[in-house]
Amino acid sequence: MLSLSCTQLEKVDSVSRLSKFRSLHHLILNWTISDSARGTTDILDLGCLLEAAPFMEKLELHMVMDHFLHKRYCHEDGELRSLPSRPHSHLSLVHISGFIGEKDQLELALHILHNAAVLKALKIDPWPRTANPVRARVKSENRLASGRSVALEFLCKDDHRNVVSVLEDVGE
C-alpha cells in the first residue's frame, strides 16, 4: 500500500515517462486542490495511474476542492473528454471522495469505469474523506448535492455492470 498526500501534481506529458509501479496494489491519494492550483490542475490526468500501476487492485482518491469557484458539469459545458482506452485487468475497488461534480472529476470516474475490466465497486462519495479532517471542510451543502446529482445523471447511466454506488449522506 502507498499513501500520498499532496496539494499539487505536476502534469506528465507522456505516460511512457512515468515509472511503472508493478508492486503497487493499493494506492491512497489525499489531494487538496486550491484556487491557485485549480486553473492548472486536470483531474483526468490521474487516469495515467492505471497504466503506471498495472497490478493495482484498490484505488482511494480523496479530494478536497478547497476553492470557491465550483462548476457542476452539465451538457452545455461541452463534450466529455476521454483518454485512450487501456484496459486494466486488476483494479477491482475504487473509492472517490470529494466528488462535487466538476467535469474533470466525472471524466476520470468514467475512464475508470470503462477501463477497469474486473471492477467490482466504484464508490462515489461527495463528502471529502481526507486524512486531514481540518482541511475537509465543505463550503456549501450545494457541492454535495451537485456531486451526487452529476454522478447519478452521467456516471450511473454508463454503468452496465451495476458497480457504481453513490453515497447520499455524510454518515454513510
Protein backbone atom coordinates (compact mmCIF):
# COMPACT_ATOMS: atom_id res chain seq x y z
CA MET A 1 0.00 0.00 0.00
CA LEU A 2 1.15 3.52 -0.80
CA SER A 3 -0.46 6.55 0.82
CA LEU A 4 0.25 10.03 -0.55
CA SER A 5 -0.97 13.50 0.37
CA CYS A 6 -0.42 16.44 -1.94
CA THR A 7 -1.67 19.88 -2.86
CA GLN A 8 -0.47 19.99 -6.45
CA LEU A 9 0.53 17.39 -9.01
CA GLU A 10 2.84 18.06 -11.91
CA LYS A 11 1.45 17.11 -15.29
CA VAL A 12 3.27 14.33 -17.10
CA ASP A 13 3.43 14.85 -20.86
CA SER A 14 3.73 11.19 -21.69
CA VAL A 15 2.70 8.05 -19.85
CA SER A 16 5.89 6.42 -21.11
CA ARG A 17 7.85 8.88 -18.93
CA LEU A 18 6.12 7.62 -15.80
CA SER A 19 7.75 4.99 -13.66
CA LYS A 20 5.99 1.65 -13.52
CA PHE A 21 4.79 0.67 -10.07
CA ARG A 22 4.49 -3.08 -10.59
CA SER A 23 4.33 -3.88 -6.88
CA LEU A 24 1.67 -1.29 -6.08
CA HIS A 25 -1.61 -2.97 -5.20
CA HIS A 26 -3.32 -0.31 -3.09
CA LEU A 27 -2.97 3.46 -3.53
CA ILE A 28 -4.47 6.09 -1.24
CA LEU A 29 -4.15 9.62 -2.64
CA ASN A 30 -5.27 12.56 -0.49
CA TRP A 31 -5.34 15.61 -2.72
CA THR A 32 -6.23 19.18 -1.74
CA ILE A 33 -6.90 21.37 -4.78
CA SER A 34 -6.84 25.09 -4.05
CA ASP A 35 -7.94 28.16 -6.03
CA SER A 36 -4.38 28.82 -7.16
CA ALA A 37 -3.86 25.28 -8.46
CA ARG A 38 -7.31 24.79 -9.98
CA GLY A 39 -6.50 26.50 -13.27
CA THR A 40 -3.54 24.21 -13.92
CA THR A 41 -4.91 21.03 -12.38
CA ASP A 42 -6.71 18.47 -14.51
CA ILE A 43 -8.05 15.55 -12.51
CA LEU A 44 -8.40 13.45 -15.67
CA ASP A 45 -4.58 13.34 -15.79
CA LEU A 46 -4.77 10.82 -12.94
CA GLY A 47 -6.01 8.30 -15.49
CA CYS A 48 -2.35 7.59 -16.24
CA LEU A 49 -2.18 5.85 -12.84
CA LEU A 50 -3.98 2.87 -14.33
CA GLU A 51 -1.15 2.34 -16.78
CA ALA A 52 1.63 3.23 -14.33
CA ALA A 53 0.35 0.71 -11.76
CA PRO A 54 -0.73 -2.30 -13.84
CA PHE A 55 -1.31 -4.56 -10.82
CA MET A 56 -3.17 -2.04 -8.66
CA GLU A 57 -6.27 -3.63 -7.15
CA LYS A 58 -7.59 -0.82 -4.97
CA LEU A 59 -7.56 2.94 -5.52
CA GLU A 60 -8.72 5.51 -2.99
CA LEU A 61 -8.79 9.08 -4.27
CA HIS A 62 -9.81 11.57 -1.58
CA MET A 63 -10.12 15.11 -2.92
CA VAL A 64 -10.77 18.37 -1.14
CA MET A 65 -11.75 21.04 -3.63
CA ASP A 66 -10.59 23.94 -1.49
CA HIS A 67 -11.71 26.70 -3.81
CA PHE A 68 -14.74 28.92 -4.08
CA LEU A 69 -15.44 28.62 -7.79
CA HIS A 70 -17.40 25.44 -8.32
CA LYS A 71 -18.90 24.48 -11.66
CA ARG A 72 -21.19 21.47 -11.74
CA TYR A 73 -20.91 19.68 -15.08
CA CYS A 74 -23.84 19.96 -17.49
CA HIS A 75 -24.24 19.19 -21.22
CA GLU A 76 -23.72 22.87 -22.09
CA ASP A 77 -20.12 22.56 -20.86
CA GLY A 78 -19.29 20.58 -23.98
CA GLU A 79 -18.31 17.04 -24.76
CA LEU A 80 -16.68 14.97 -22.06
CA ARG A 81 -13.07 14.17 -22.86
CA SER A 82 -11.66 10.68 -22.67
CA LEU A 83 -8.22 9.18 -22.55
CA PRO A 84 -7.20 6.40 -24.93
CA SER A 85 -8.70 3.08 -23.90
CA ARG A 86 -6.23 0.94 -21.97
CA PRO A 87 -7.96 -1.93 -20.18
CA HIS A 88 -6.73 -2.56 -16.64
CA SER A 89 -7.10 -6.17 -15.55
CA HIS A 90 -6.57 -5.91 -11.77
CA LEU A 91 -8.36 -2.81 -10.45
CA SER A 92 -11.44 -4.06 -8.63
CA LEU A 93 -12.21 -1.48 -5.91
CA VAL A 94 -12.27 2.31 -6.29
CA HIS A 95 -13.41 4.93 -3.79
CA ILE A 96 -13.54 8.55 -4.94
CA SER A 97 -14.46 11.03 -2.22
CA GLY A 98 -14.83 14.78 -2.51
CA PHE A 99 -16.67 14.26 -5.80
CA ILE A 100 -18.52 17.54 -6.34
CA GLY A 101 -19.50 17.06 -9.95
CA GLU A 102 -16.82 19.00 -11.80
CA LYS A 103 -16.18 18.00 -15.40
CA ASP A 104 -12.69 16.53 -14.95
CA GLN A 105 -13.82 14.53 -11.90
CA LEU A 106 -16.58 12.96 -13.97
CA GLU A 107 -14.19 12.28 -16.85
CA LEU A 108 -11.80 10.41 -14.54
CA ALA A 109 -14.60 8.35 -13.00
CA LEU A 110 -15.87 7.42 -16.48
CA HIS A 111 -12.33 6.49 -17.57
CA ILE A 112 -12.01 4.14 -14.61
CA LEU A 113 -15.48 2.67 -15.18
CA HIS A 114 -14.75 1.99 -18.86
CA ASN A 115 -11.21 0.64 -18.44
CA ALA A 116 -11.18 -1.38 -15.20
CA ALA A 117 -12.15 -4.77 -16.61
CA VAL A 118 -12.64 -6.53 -13.26
CA LEU A 119 -14.16 -3.60 -11.36
CA LYS A 120 -16.44 -4.82 -8.57
CA ALA A 121 -17.20 -1.48 -6.90
CA LEU A 122 -16.81 2.19 -7.77
CA LYS A 123 -17.91 4.18 -4.75
CA ILE A 124 -18.61 7.87 -5.38
CA ASP A 125 -18.74 9.98 -2.24
CA PRO A 126 -19.47 13.73 -2.45
CA TRP A 127 -18.16 14.21 1.08
CA PRO A 128 -14.36 14.67 1.29
CA ARG A 129 -12.80 11.82 3.29
CA THR A 130 -9.28 13.01 3.70
CA ALA A 131 -6.56 12.08 6.14
CA ASN A 132 -6.57 15.69 7.32
CA PRO A 133 -10.06 16.35 8.76
CA VAL A 134 -9.33 20.04 9.37
CA ARG A 135 -8.94 20.58 5.60
CA ALA A 136 -12.07 18.58 4.82
CA ARG A 137 -14.48 21.47 5.32
CA VAL A 138 -17.18 21.71 2.74
CA LYS A 139 -18.06 25.29 1.97
CA SER A 140 -21.58 24.52 0.82
CA GLU A 141 -24.10 21.71 1.03
CA ASN A 142 -24.81 22.55 -2.61
CA ARG A 143 -21.46 20.96 -3.53
CA LEU A 144 -22.55 17.66 -2.02
CA ALA A 145 -25.85 17.76 -3.90
CA SER A 146 -24.04 18.68 -7.14
CA GLY A 147 -21.62 15.78 -6.84
CA ARG A 148 -24.38 13.32 -6.15
CA SER A 149 -26.61 14.54 -8.98
CA VAL A 150 -23.77 14.54 -11.56
CA ALA A 151 -22.78 11.00 -10.56
CA LEU A 152 -26.38 9.79 -10.80
CA GLU A 153 -27.09 11.57 -14.08
CA PHE A 154 -23.90 10.93 -16.03
CA LEU A 155 -21.94 8.12 -14.37
CA CYS A 156 -24.68 5.70 -13.41
CA LYS A 157 -26.18 5.75 -16.91
CA ASP A 158 -22.87 4.32 -18.24
CA ASP A 159 -22.70 1.65 -15.53
CA HIS A 160 -23.72 -1.50 -17.39
CA ARG A 161 -22.18 -3.79 -14.75
CA ASN A 162 -24.01 -2.25 -11.77
CA VAL A 163 -20.78 -1.47 -9.89
CA VAL A 164 -21.30 2.25 -9.17
CA SER A 165 -22.68 3.32 -5.82
CA VAL A 166 -23.26 6.97 -5.00
CA LEU A 167 -23.28 7.79 -1.31
CA GLU A 168 -26.05 10.02 -0.09
CA ASP A 169 -25.24 11.17 3.41
CA VAL A 170 -22.24 12.23 5.45
CA GLY A 171 -22.74 9.23 7.71
CA GLU A 172 -22.58 6.55 5.03
